[in-house]
Amino acid sequence: GAKTLALDTGPSHPGHGYVVDDPDVIIDRLSEEHGVVLLPPGKTGWQVGDTVEIIPNHVCTSVNLHDRMVIVRDGSVVDEWKVSARGCVS
């Protein structure tokens, strides 16, 4: 939802982010904790527990919403970065 992806849309891909393994899926709407996706014909969606990789449309606002970033390379967690400026906007 908007607490993770932010509400920005972008010109490069419709919706609120790019679903890496399913580029035809559109993240159409966001509430605070949930997102509504539009699936192309024939796509059945995901199951609970599936991993879905999403590239946000505007990473700056998305990073600002979190205390840390988990760095993944080739499917494995390789590092964790603290977001230093988190909560410093006044």
Protein backbone atom coordinates (compact mmCIF):
# COMPACT_ATOMS: atom_id res chain seq x y z
CA GLY A 1 0.00 0.00 0.00
CA ALA A 2 0.85 3.67 0.26
CA LYS A 3 2.96 3.09 3.39
CA THR A 4 5.42 1.14 1.22
CA LEU A 5 5.10 2.32 -2.38
CA ALA A 6 3.96 5.93 -1.83
CA LEU A 7 1.21 7.42 -3.97
CA ASP A 8 3.33 8.64 -6.88
CA THR A 9 2.65 7.34 -10.34
CA GLY A 10 5.14 7.71 -13.17
CA PRO A 11 5.33 8.08 -16.94
CA SER A 12 7.48 4.99 -17.53
CA HIS A 13 4.92 2.41 -16.34
CA PRO A 14 1.23 2.76 -15.51
CA GLY A 15 0.19 2.48 -11.88
CA HIS A 16 2.20 2.72 -8.67
CA GLY A 17 5.16 0.46 -9.45
CA TYR A 18 6.69 -2.09 -11.78
CA VAL A 19 6.11 -5.77 -10.94
CA VAL A 20 9.42 -7.30 -12.06
CA ASP A 21 8.28 -10.84 -12.96
CA ASP A 22 4.86 -9.69 -14.22
CA PRO A 23 5.32 -6.42 -16.18
CA ASP A 24 1.74 -6.60 -17.51
CA VAL A 25 0.32 -6.40 -13.97
CA ILE A 26 -0.70 -2.86 -13.01
CA ILE A 27 -0.75 -1.67 -9.40
CA ASP A 28 -3.92 0.35 -9.88
CA ARG A 29 -4.85 1.72 -6.43
CA LEU A 30 -3.32 1.95 -2.97
CA SER A 31 -4.81 2.26 0.48
CA GLU A 32 -2.49 2.63 3.47
CA GLU A 33 -1.64 -1.07 3.83
CA HIS A 34 -2.99 -2.66 0.63
CA GLY A 35 -2.69 -2.41 -3.11
CA VAL A 36 -5.19 -3.32 -5.80
CA VAL A 37 -3.69 -4.85 -8.93
CA LEU A 38 -5.16 -5.28 -12.40
CA LEU A 39 -4.25 -8.66 -13.86
CA PRO A 40 -3.99 -9.31 -17.58
CA PRO A 41 -6.32 -11.94 -19.10
CA GLY A 42 -5.26 -15.45 -18.09
CA LYS A 43 -3.17 -14.34 -15.09
CA THR A 44 -4.42 -15.90 -11.85
CA GLY A 45 -2.48 -13.80 -9.35
CA TRP A 46 -0.38 -14.88 -6.39
CA GLN A 47 -0.78 -17.10 -3.36
CA VAL A 48 -0.15 -16.19 0.28
CA GLY A 49 3.59 -16.54 0.86
CA ASP A 50 4.65 -15.74 -2.72
CA THR A 51 7.45 -13.20 -3.14
CA VAL A 52 6.61 -10.29 -5.43
CA GLU A 53 9.38 -7.88 -6.45
CA ILE A 54 8.15 -4.34 -7.14
CA ILE A 55 10.19 -1.35 -8.27
CA PRO A 56 8.45 1.78 -6.93
CA ASN A 57 7.78 4.66 -9.32
CA HIS A 58 9.42 7.17 -6.99
CA VAL A 59 12.07 5.56 -4.82
CA CYS A 60 12.83 8.71 -2.80
CA THR A 61 9.43 8.79 -1.13
CA SER A 62 9.42 5.00 -0.70
CA VAL A 63 12.82 4.97 1.05
CA ASN A 64 11.68 7.77 3.36
CA LEU A 65 8.83 5.55 4.57
CA HIS A 66 11.17 2.90 6.06
CA ASP A 67 13.81 2.71 8.79
CA ARG A 68 16.03 0.32 6.85
CA MET A 69 16.62 -1.12 3.40
CA VAL A 70 17.33 -4.81 2.88
CA ILE A 71 19.83 -5.31 0.06
CA VAL A 72 19.24 -8.43 -2.07
CA ARG A 73 21.52 -9.78 -4.78
CA ASP A 74 20.64 -12.87 -6.83
CA GLY A 75 17.84 -13.76 -4.43
CA SER A 76 19.97 -13.61 -1.25
CA VAL A 77 20.08 -10.92 1.41
CA VAL A 78 23.60 -9.44 1.32
CA ASP A 79 23.28 -6.37 3.52
CA GLU A 80 20.97 -4.09 5.47
CA TRP A 81 21.24 -0.31 5.33
CA LYS A 82 19.83 2.09 7.91
CA VAL A 83 18.00 5.05 6.34
CA SER A 84 19.97 7.80 8.07
CA ALA A 85 17.60 10.70 7.41
CA ARG A 86 14.46 8.75 8.37
CA GLY A 87 12.15 10.89 10.50
CA CYS A 88 14.31 14.03 10.14
CA VAL A 89 11.82 16.05 8.09
CA SER A 90 10.27 18.75 10.25
